[in-house]
């Protein structure tokens, strides 16, 4: 009896929970570009904004180190244990797989024990700075959707900069500064993301939050994407409509979460004290066991699939768009200027589909998807427009009385067009009118 009562209560709770589930949690998937709907004219395509699902983007990146020979092990060298900086009998040897620490171990699945990691050479050339640039490149524009998380096996650096590029590494901008002393290292007052607001969300800050020494529970550094989303969508990211509205209308905000490359500039290893211990330089190095970057291919809301082929990411574009980011209209589909899709209105957005150019209209004059027939004309078998009695022309764009010699008030077929031809343009969509206007002289 008690079991059946418990099961009944549980079933009721599941039902109530599903009803109470707020819609915003499902907003933002945009995983369908088009769907067929039924209308009085039959089945037609309904187009929607769409985008690929968020995924682990480290599967698709290329990594480059500068200087290129900074990885430990060539020649072999000893270094101090992570937990005991005075136990310096560990060895790094690039020629022995069990003792090697190449860059790809920053992105592997942790299957070995101890954890796998990349490691730099030690600070044996002190006082020359031990500095390393780690560049992550996708050869594709991506949109970040979750925190960037970097797990160090060494102490977290005393000084580090996370940078981004939007032009494939030609230029760089800082994303965030990290230091044990922001004022000393970068002449900046320390801040955390919690000190920001909607109005200052794009501010580049220096944080001391992630820069302590050899503490075993202090290995992780974050670049907080979700905390910045929360300024618009709320602490549990439930109000996604607000976030998408901001992304739609504020290009600077949208670009802030968009990258082609990321770069870690490791400027000073974890020292743990004010002074460097010159007698034990094998204590100082960089070691990273994991980097997580979650995001999606930027397809301008014109694709749900991004394929990885021949070491290259490319959007599978819909809406008659093309290009690696679906950033232009396909040939013969330039009837209006290209535009990215829009997240709004929630939940389907607006596709902003590219439409055929007037010059490309041939035997297939019209179709049920884009409905090119004008002035009440209907498309017949995708071949011709069936026009109302008063209209004629390929797209029903002309008044029939024009061909008969004039449209006087006594013709019963519409207003007089003896003077300017502006009314003809008013009968056409703006995009077609613009194309006709640029195709040749037209007296208006």
Protein backbone atom coordinates (compact mmCIF):
# COMPACT_ATOMS: atom_id res chain seq x y z
CA UNK A 1 0.00 0.00 0.00
CA UNK A 2 2.77 2.40 0.98
CA UNK A 3 4.68 1.55 -2.19
CA UNK A 4 1.70 2.24 -4.43
CA UNK A 5 1.01 5.50 -2.58
CA UNK A 6 4.68 6.52 -3.01
CA UNK A 7 4.58 5.68 -6.72
CA UNK A 8 1.40 7.73 -7.14
CA UNK A 9 2.93 10.73 -5.39
CA UNK A 10 6.09 10.36 -7.48
CA UNK A 11 4.09 10.21 -10.71
CA UNK A 12 2.16 13.32 -9.67
CA UNK A 13 5.40 15.16 -8.89
CA UNK A 14 6.88 14.23 -12.28
CA UNK A 15 3.73 15.52 -14.00
CA UNK A 16 3.70 18.78 -12.02
CA UNK A 17 7.42 19.26 -12.61
CA UNK A 18 7.04 18.84 -16.34
CA UNK A 19 4.21 21.38 -16.38
CA UNK A 20 6.20 23.85 -14.29
CA UNK A 21 9.34 23.47 -16.42
CA UNK A 22 9.97 27.01 -17.74
CA UNK A 23 10.05 27.42 -21.50
CA UNK A 24 13.35 29.28 -21.57
CA UNK A 25 15.23 26.06 -20.76
CA UNK A 26 14.35 24.76 -24.22
CA UNK A 27 14.85 28.06 -25.97
CA UNK A 28 18.00 28.53 -27.88
CA UNK A 29 18.37 25.07 -29.37
CA UNK A 30 17.41 26.24 -32.87
CA UNK A 31 18.12 22.73 -34.15
CA UNK A 32 15.78 22.83 -37.17
CA UNK A 33 16.27 25.10 -40.20
CA UNK A 34 12.96 24.40 -41.92
CA UNK A 35 9.85 22.29 -41.60
CA UNK A 36 6.93 21.55 -43.89
CA UNK A 37 3.56 22.96 -42.96
CA UNK A 38 0.16 22.63 -44.57
CA UNK A 39 -1.68 25.64 -45.94
CA UNK A 40 -4.64 26.18 -48.22
CA UNK A 41 -2.20 26.00 -51.13
CA UNK A 42 -0.73 22.69 -49.97
CA UNK A 43 2.56 21.83 -48.30
CA UNK A 44 5.07 24.67 -48.04
CA UNK A 45 8.37 25.15 -46.22
CA UNK A 46 8.43 27.18 -43.03
CA UNK A 47 11.96 28.53 -42.48
CA UNK A 48 13.47 29.20 -39.06
CA UNK A 49 16.73 30.47 -37.60
CA UNK A 50 19.01 27.53 -36.82
CA UNK A 51 22.44 26.77 -35.40
CA UNK A 52 24.63 23.74 -34.58
CA UNK A 53 24.56 22.21 -31.12
CA UNK A 54 27.25 23.23 -28.66
CA UNK A 55 30.10 20.72 -28.38
CA UNK A 56 33.67 20.22 -27.14
CA UNK A 57 35.63 22.33 -29.62
CA UNK A 58 39.05 21.02 -28.52
CA UNK A 59 38.44 18.01 -30.80
CA UNK A 60 38.89 20.26 -33.82
CA UNK A 61 41.69 22.66 -32.90
CA UNK A 62 45.35 22.90 -33.84
CA UNK A 63 47.84 23.87 -31.15
CA UNK A 64 51.07 25.82 -31.62
CA UNK A 65 53.71 26.65 -29.03
CA UNK A 66 56.06 29.61 -29.11
CA UNK A 67 58.95 29.13 -28.66
CA UNK A 68 58.48 25.79 -30.46
CA UNK A 69 61.19 24.01 -28.45
CA UNK A 70 59.80 25.00 -25.04
CA UNK A 71 58.34 21.55 -24.25
CA UNK A 72 60.47 19.61 -21.76
CA UNK A 73 62.36 16.43 -22.59
CA UNK A 74 64.72 17.37 -25.41
CA UNK A 75 67.27 17.06 -23.95
CA UNK A 76 65.94 15.09 -20.93
CA UNK A 77 65.84 16.97 -17.66
CA UNK A 78 64.74 16.48 -14.07
CA UNK A 79 62.11 18.55 -12.32
CA UNK A 80 60.61 18.81 -8.85
CA UNK A 81 57.47 16.98 -7.77
CA UNK A 82 54.21 18.91 -7.93
CA UNK A 83 53.36 18.44 -4.28
CA UNK A 84 56.90 18.63 -2.90
CA UNK A 85 59.03 21.33 -4.56
CA UNK A 86 62.17 19.95 -2.94
CA UNK A 87 61.82 16.39 -4.29
CA UNK A 88 63.53 16.96 -7.64
CA UNK A 89 64.07 13.49 -9.11
CA UNK A 90 61.22 13.40 -11.64
CA UNK A 91 62.32 13.11 -15.28
CA UNK A 92 60.96 14.47 -18.55
CA UNK A 93 62.27 12.63 -21.63
CA UNK A 94 60.69 13.23 -25.04
CA UNK A 95 62.16 9.99 -26.43
CA UNK A 96 60.37 7.80 -23.86
CA UNK A 97 56.55 7.73 -24.15
CA UNK A 98 56.02 7.18 -20.42
CA UNK A 99 58.19 10.21 -19.58
CA UNK A 100 57.17 12.53 -22.43
CA UNK A 101 54.79 15.48 -22.04
CA UNK A 102 53.90 16.72 -25.58
CA UNK A 103 51.28 19.45 -26.25
CA UNK A 104 48.53 17.05 -27.38
CA UNK A 105 48.24 15.79 -23.78
CA UNK A 106 46.47 19.06 -22.95
CA UNK A 107 43.46 17.77 -24.91
CA UNK A 108 43.45 13.99 -24.54
CA UNK A 109 40.92 11.94 -22.59
CA UNK A 110 42.43 11.26 -19.20
CA UNK A 111 42.88 7.50 -19.29
CA UNK A 112 46.29 7.00 -17.70
CA UNK A 113 47.29 7.41 -14.07
CA UNK A 114 48.75 9.75 -13.09
CA UNK A 115 46.92 12.23 -15.30
CA UNK A 116 48.53 13.11 -18.61
CA UNK A 117 49.79 16.63 -19.18
CA UNK A 118 51.94 18.93 -21.29
CA UNK A 119 54.96 20.38 -19.53
CA UNK A 120 57.41 23.14 -20.37
CA UNK A 121 61.14 23.13 -19.73
CA UNK A 122 62.13 24.37 -16.27
CA UNK A 123 63.29 27.90 -15.49
CA UNK A 124 66.94 26.89 -15.87
CA UNK A 125 67.76 30.12 -17.75
CA UNK A 126 66.68 32.43 -14.92
CA UNK A 127 66.70 35.48 -14.77
CA UNK A 128 65.70 35.36 -18.45
CA UNK A 129 61.86 35.24 -18.40
CA UNK A 130 60.24 31.83 -18.81
CA UNK A 131 57.43 32.76 -21.19
CA UNK A 132 55.28 30.55 -23.43
CA UNK A 133 52.52 31.33 -25.94
CA UNK A 134 50.01 28.52 -26.51
CA UNK A 135 47.83 29.24 -29.57
CA UNK A 136 44.61 27.31 -30.23
CA UNK A 137 43.34 27.69 -33.79
CA UNK A 138 40.19 26.42 -35.49
CA UNK A 139 40.50 27.99 -38.97
CA UNK A 140 36.81 28.72 -38.45
CA UNK A 141 34.74 31.25 -36.58
CA UNK A 142 33.24 29.72 -33.44
CA UNK A 143 30.88 31.01 -30.76
CA UNK A 144 31.71 30.22 -27.15
CA UNK A 145 28.85 28.76 -25.11
CA UNK A 146 30.46 27.72 -21.81
CA UNK A 147 33.36 28.64 -19.56
CA UNK A 148 36.91 28.16 -20.83
CA UNK A 149 38.53 25.91 -18.21
CA UNK A 150 42.30 25.37 -17.95
CA UNK A 151 43.64 22.78 -15.49
CA UNK A 152 47.27 23.15 -14.46
CA UNK A 153 49.38 20.34 -13.06
CA UNK A 154 52.01 22.84 -11.97
CA UNK A 155 51.09 25.79 -9.82
CA UNK A 156 48.90 28.30 -11.59
CA UNK A 157 51.00 31.04 -13.22
CA UNK A 158 51.82 34.18 -11.28
CA UNK A 159 51.11 36.12 -14.48
CA UNK A 160 49.04 35.07 -17.49
CA UNK A 161 46.91 36.65 -20.23
CA UNK A 162 44.11 34.96 -22.14
CA UNK A 163 43.77 36.52 -25.60
CA UNK A 164 41.39 36.10 -28.53
CA UNK A 165 41.51 36.72 -32.26
CA UNK A 166 38.62 37.27 -34.65
CA UNK A 167 40.75 37.30 -37.81
CA UNK A 168 42.63 33.98 -37.69
CA UNK A 169 45.52 35.25 -35.61
CA UNK A 170 46.38 38.40 -37.54
CA UNK A 171 45.42 40.62 -34.61
CA UNK A 172 44.84 39.85 -30.92
CA UNK A 173 42.84 41.38 -28.10
CA UNK A 174 43.04 40.55 -24.39
CA UNK A 175 40.16 38.53 -22.95
CA UNK A 176 41.32 38.54 -19.33
CA UNK A 177 44.44 39.11 -17.21
CA UNK A 178 45.43 36.78 -14.36
CA UNK A 179 48.01 37.63 -11.70
CA UNK A 180 48.94 37.20 -8.06
CA UNK A 181 49.29 40.99 -7.98
CA UNK A 182 47.33 42.76 -10.75
CA UNK A 183 48.57 46.22 -9.89
CA UNK A 184 52.21 45.17 -9.99
CA UNK A 185 51.95 42.92 -13.05
CA UNK A 186 49.55 44.84 -15.31
CA UNK A 187 48.90 48.21 -13.57
CA UNK A 188 45.26 47.23 -13.14
CA UNK A 189 43.07 47.06 -10.06
CA UNK A 190 41.95 43.50 -9.35
CA UNK A 191 38.35 42.58 -10.16
CA UNK A 192 36.21 39.50 -10.57
CA UNK A 193 33.34 38.91 -12.99
CA UNK A 194 30.95 39.38 -10.04
CA UNK A 195 32.02 43.05 -10.00
CA UNK A 196 30.67 43.56 -13.52
CA UNK A 197 27.14 44.36 -14.72
CA UNK A 198 25.12 44.42 -17.93
CA UNK A 199 26.67 47.78 -18.77
CA UNK A 200 30.27 46.69 -18.08
CA UNK A 201 30.09 43.07 -19.23
CA UNK A 202 32.60 43.75 -22.05
CA UNK A 203 35.19 45.25 -19.68
CA UNK A 204 38.59 43.52 -19.77
CA UNK A 205 39.56 42.80 -16.18
CA UNK A 206 42.54 41.51 -14.23
CA UNK A 207 41.69 38.93 -11.59
CA UNK A 208 43.75 37.57 -8.72
CA UNK A 209 41.17 34.87 -8.07
CA UNK A 210 43.03 32.12 -9.96
CA UNK A 211 46.69 32.81 -9.27
CA UNK A 212 47.72 31.13 -6.03
CA UNK A 213 50.76 28.87 -5.63
CA UNK A 214 51.26 25.15 -5.08
CA UNK A 215 47.87 24.35 -3.53
CA UNK A 216 46.57 20.95 -4.66
CA UNK A 217 42.99 22.22 -4.81
CA UNK A 218 43.90 25.34 -6.79
CA UNK A 219 44.83 24.05 -10.21
CA UNK A 220 41.95 25.40 -12.30
CA UNK A 221 41.59 28.73 -14.12
CA UNK A 222 38.27 29.89 -15.61
CA UNK A 223 37.21 32.42 -18.17
CA UNK A 224 33.60 32.86 -17.14
CA UNK A 225 31.24 32.80 -20.13
CA UNK A 226 28.11 31.72 -18.27
CA UNK A 227 28.48 34.37 -15.58
CA UNK A 228 28.44 36.98 -18.33
CA UNK A 229 25.37 35.36 -19.95
CA UNK A 230 23.69 35.53 -16.54
CA UNK A 231 23.69 39.33 -16.56
CA UNK A 232 21.00 39.07 -19.26
CA UNK A 233 19.45 35.63 -18.74
CA UNK A 234 19.40 35.50 -14.94
CA UNK A 235 21.46 33.37 -12.53
CA UNK A 236 20.03 30.07 -13.82
CA UNK A 237 20.02 31.20 -17.48
CA UNK A 238 16.24 30.82 -17.60
CA UNK A 239 15.47 34.09 -19.39
CA UNK A 240 17.21 33.20 -22.64
CA UNK A 241 14.85 35.49 -24.56
CA UNK A 242 16.55 38.47 -22.94
CA UNK A 243 20.03 37.14 -23.76
CA UNK A 244 19.16 36.38 -27.38
CA UNK A 245 17.55 39.76 -27.74
CA UNK A 246 20.80 41.39 -26.64
CA UNK A 247 22.92 39.18 -28.90
CA UNK A 248 20.64 40.01 -31.81
CA UNK A 249 20.82 43.76 -31.40
CA UNK A 250 24.30 44.35 -29.97
CA UNK A 251 27.08 43.38 -32.37
CA UNK A 252 29.83 44.13 -29.83
CA UNK A 253 28.27 41.69 -27.38
CA UNK A 254 27.91 39.02 -30.06
CA UNK A 255 31.51 39.51 -31.16
CA UNK A 256 32.72 39.29 -27.56
CA UNK A 257 31.78 35.60 -27.45
CA UNK A 258 33.07 34.89 -30.97
CA UNK A 259 36.63 33.78 -31.79
CA UNK A 260 38.72 32.14 -34.49
CA UNK A 261 41.72 31.61 -32.18
CA UNK A 262 42.59 31.70 -28.49
CA UNK A 263 46.04 32.29 -27.01
CA UNK A 264 47.42 31.65 -23.53
CA UNK A 265 50.35 33.90 -22.75
CA UNK A 266 52.16 32.34 -19.78
CA UNK A 267 54.38 35.16 -18.54
CA UNK A 268 55.66 34.01 -15.15
CA UNK A 269 55.44 30.56 -13.52
CA UNK A 270 54.13 30.01 -10.03
CA UNK A 271 56.83 31.09 -7.62
CA UNK A 272 54.87 30.94 -4.40
CA UNK A 273 57.12 33.47 -2.69
CA UNK A 274 58.31 36.99 -3.32
CA UNK A 275 61.76 35.83 -4.46
CA UNK A 276 62.80 33.12 -6.91
CA UNK A 277 64.86 30.35 -5.29
CA UNK A 278 67.86 30.36 -7.65
CA UNK A 279 69.26 27.19 -6.08
CA UNK A 280 66.18 25.15 -7.02
CA UNK A 281 65.15 26.40 -10.49
CA UNK A 282 63.77 22.94 -11.36
CA UNK A 283 60.82 23.91 -9.17
CA UNK A 284 59.56 26.41 -11.73
CA UNK A 285 57.80 25.38 -14.96
CA UNK A 286 54.35 25.25 -16.56
CA UNK A 287 52.28 22.07 -16.84
CA UNK A 288 48.72 21.82 -18.20
CA UNK A 289 46.67 18.62 -18.03
CA UNK A 290 43.42 19.80 -19.63
CA UNK A 291 41.87 22.66 -21.59
CA UNK A 292 38.12 22.76 -22.17
CA UNK A 293 36.54 25.02 -24.78
CA UNK A 294 32.84 24.50 -25.48
CA UNK A 295 31.16 26.28 -28.36
CA UNK A 296 29.60 25.91 -31.77
CA UNK A 297 30.49 26.76 -35.33
CA UNK A 298 29.29 30.22 -36.23
CA UNK A 299 26.90 29.73 -39.15
CA UNK A 300 24.98 33.02 -38.84
CA UNK A 301 21.83 31.07 -37.86
CA UNK A 302 21.72 29.44 -41.31
CA UNK A 303 22.81 25.85 -40.47
CA UNK A 304 22.35 23.13 -37.87
CA UNK A 305 25.29 20.98 -39.01
CA UNK A 306 29.01 21.77 -39.01
CA UNK A 307 31.13 19.06 -40.62
CA UNK A 308 34.79 18.32 -39.93
CA UNK A 309 36.45 17.14 -43.12
CA UNK A 310 40.10 17.27 -44.18
CA UNK A 311 40.95 18.91 -40.83
CA UNK A 312 38.53 21.74 -41.57
CA UNK A 313 35.22 22.82 -40.05
CA UNK A 314 32.51 24.00 -42.45
CA UNK A 315 28.84 24.86 -41.98
CA UNK A 316 26.34 22.89 -44.06
CA UNK A 317 24.38 25.96 -45.08
CA UNK A 318 20.61 26.19 -45.50
CA UNK A 319 18.35 29.09 -46.49
CA UNK A 320 20.11 29.37 -49.91
CA UNK A 321 23.29 30.63 -48.24
CA UNK A 322 26.89 29.53 -48.74
CA UNK A 323 30.43 30.08 -47.44
CA UNK A 324 32.28 28.63 -44.42
CA UNK A 325 30.07 30.72 -42.09
CA UNK A 326 27.00 30.83 -44.42
CA UNK A 327 27.98 34.46 -44.82
CA UNK A 328 26.63 35.12 -48.33
CA UNK A 329 23.81 34.17 -50.67
CA UNK A 330 24.28 31.37 -53.18
CA UNK A 331 24.67 32.20 -56.85
CA UNK A 332 21.33 33.11 -58.42
CA UNK A 333 19.86 33.70 -54.94
CA UNK A 334 20.73 37.36 -54.53
CA UNK A 335 17.25 38.80 -54.90
CA UNK A 336 17.85 40.76 -51.71
CA UNK A 337 20.99 41.48 -49.67
CA UNK A 338 22.31 38.65 -47.48
CA UNK A 339 21.46 38.94 -43.81
CA UNK A 340 22.21 36.70 -40.81
CA UNK A 341 19.30 34.89 -39.25
CA UNK A 342 17.72 36.39 -36.18
CA UNK A 343 17.05 34.74 -32.80
CA UNK A 344 13.85 36.74 -32.60
CA UNK A 345 10.98 36.25 -32.24
CA UNK A 346 11.45 33.50 -29.66
CA UNK A 347 11.32 30.53 -30.04
CA UNK A 348 11.76 30.09 -33.82
CA UNK A 349 13.59 33.24 -34.83
CA UNK A 350 13.66 34.60 -38.36
CA UNK A 351 15.52 32.79 -41.14
CA UNK A 352 16.15 35.76 -43.48
CA UNK A 353 16.32 33.34 -46.40
CA UNK A 354 18.12 34.35 -49.58
CA UNK A 355 15.67 34.57 -52.51
CA UNK A 356 16.31 34.03 -56.22
CA UNK A 357 17.63 36.86 -58.33
CA UNK A 358 15.29 38.18 -61.03
CA UNK A 359 17.96 37.39 -63.64
CA UNK A 360 18.01 33.74 -62.57
CA UNK A 361 14.30 33.14 -63.12
CA UNK A 362 14.01 30.76 -66.07
CA UNK A 363 11.74 27.84 -66.82
CA UNK A 364 10.97 27.43 -63.12
CA UNK A 365 9.34 30.80 -62.70
CA UNK A 366 7.92 30.24 -59.23
CA UNK A 367 7.78 27.78 -56.38
CA UNK A 368 5.67 27.08 -53.34
CA UNK A 369 8.49 27.88 -50.95
CA UNK A 370 9.19 31.48 -51.89
CA UNK A 371 5.95 32.45 -53.70
CA UNK A 372 7.29 34.83 -56.33
CA UNK A 373 3.98 35.40 -58.13
CA UNK A 374 2.79 38.95 -57.53
CA UNK A 375 -0.56 40.70 -57.17
CA UNK A 376 -2.49 37.62 -56.12
CA UNK A 377 -1.01 35.30 -58.74
CA UNK A 378 -0.60 31.63 -57.83
CA UNK A 379 2.22 29.27 -58.74
CA UNK A 380 1.29 26.36 -61.01
CA UNK A 381 3.58 23.30 -61.03
CA UNK A 382 6.60 25.51 -60.29
CA UNK A 383 6.52 26.56 -63.95
CA UNK A 384 4.24 29.55 -64.37
CA UNK A 385 2.15 32.04 -62.48
CA UNK A 386 -1.64 31.96 -62.86
CA UNK A 387 -2.58 35.64 -62.76
CA UNK A 388 -5.82 37.38 -61.78
CA UNK A 389 -7.82 38.75 -64.70
CA UNK A 390 -6.40 42.27 -64.38
CA UNK A 391 -2.71 41.23 -64.40
CA UNK A 392 -0.25 39.59 -66.75
CA UNK A 393 3.52 39.06 -67.12
CA UNK A 394 5.90 36.34 -65.95
CA UNK A 395 5.30 37.22 -62.31
CA UNK A 396 1.86 38.86 -62.75
CA UNK A 397 3.71 42.12 -62.34
CA UNK A 398 1.95 44.03 -65.19
CA UNK A 399 -1.53 45.41 -65.52
CA UNK A 400 -3.17 43.75 -68.54
CA UNK A 401 -4.61 47.05 -69.72
CA UNK A 402 -1.07 48.34 -70.27
CA UNK A 403 -0.57 45.88 -73.10
CA UNK A 404 -3.94 46.82 -74.57
CA UNK A 405 -2.82 50.39 -75.04
CA UNK A 406 -3.55 52.16 -71.78
CA UNK A 407 -5.29 52.00 -68.47
CA UNK A 408 -7.78 54.83 -68.60
CA UNK A 409 -10.42 55.29 -66.00
CA UNK A 410 -12.96 53.80 -68.43
CA UNK A 411 -11.08 50.55 -68.91
CA UNK A 412 -12.25 49.17 -65.60
CA UNK A 413 -8.86 47.58 -65.04
CA UNK A 414 -7.15 49.91 -62.67
CA UNK A 415 -5.87 53.46 -62.35
CA UNK A 416 -4.29 55.42 -65.15
CA UNK A 417 -0.54 54.82 -65.70
CA UNK A 418 -0.12 57.36 -68.51
CA UNK A 419 2.43 59.36 -66.55
CA UNK A 420 4.99 58.07 -64.08
CA UNK A 421 5.41 54.28 -63.64
CA UNK A 422 5.84 54.44 -59.89
CA UNK A 423 2.67 52.40 -59.19
CA UNK A 424 4.29 49.42 -60.95
CA UNK A 425 7.15 49.51 -58.47
CA UNK A 426 4.70 49.69 -55.61
CA UNK A 427 3.19 46.40 -56.76
CA UNK A 428 6.53 44.61 -56.46
CA UNK A 429 8.47 43.57 -53.36
CA UNK A 430 11.15 46.01 -52.33
CA UNK A 431 13.96 43.67 -53.38
CA UNK A 432 12.55 43.07 -56.88
CA UNK A 433 11.87 46.76 -57.31
CA UNK A 434 15.46 47.54 -56.42
CA UNK A 435 16.77 44.99 -58.91
CA UNK A 436 14.55 46.36 -61.70
CA UNK A 437 15.67 49.88 -60.86
CA UNK A 438 19.34 48.92 -61.25
CA UNK A 439 18.80 46.80 -64.37
CA UNK A 440 18.32 49.73 -66.72
CA UNK A 441 16.87 53.20 -67.26
CA UNK A 442 13.42 53.68 -65.82
CA UNK A 443 11.51 56.93 -66.00
CA UNK A 444 9.95 57.74 -62.64
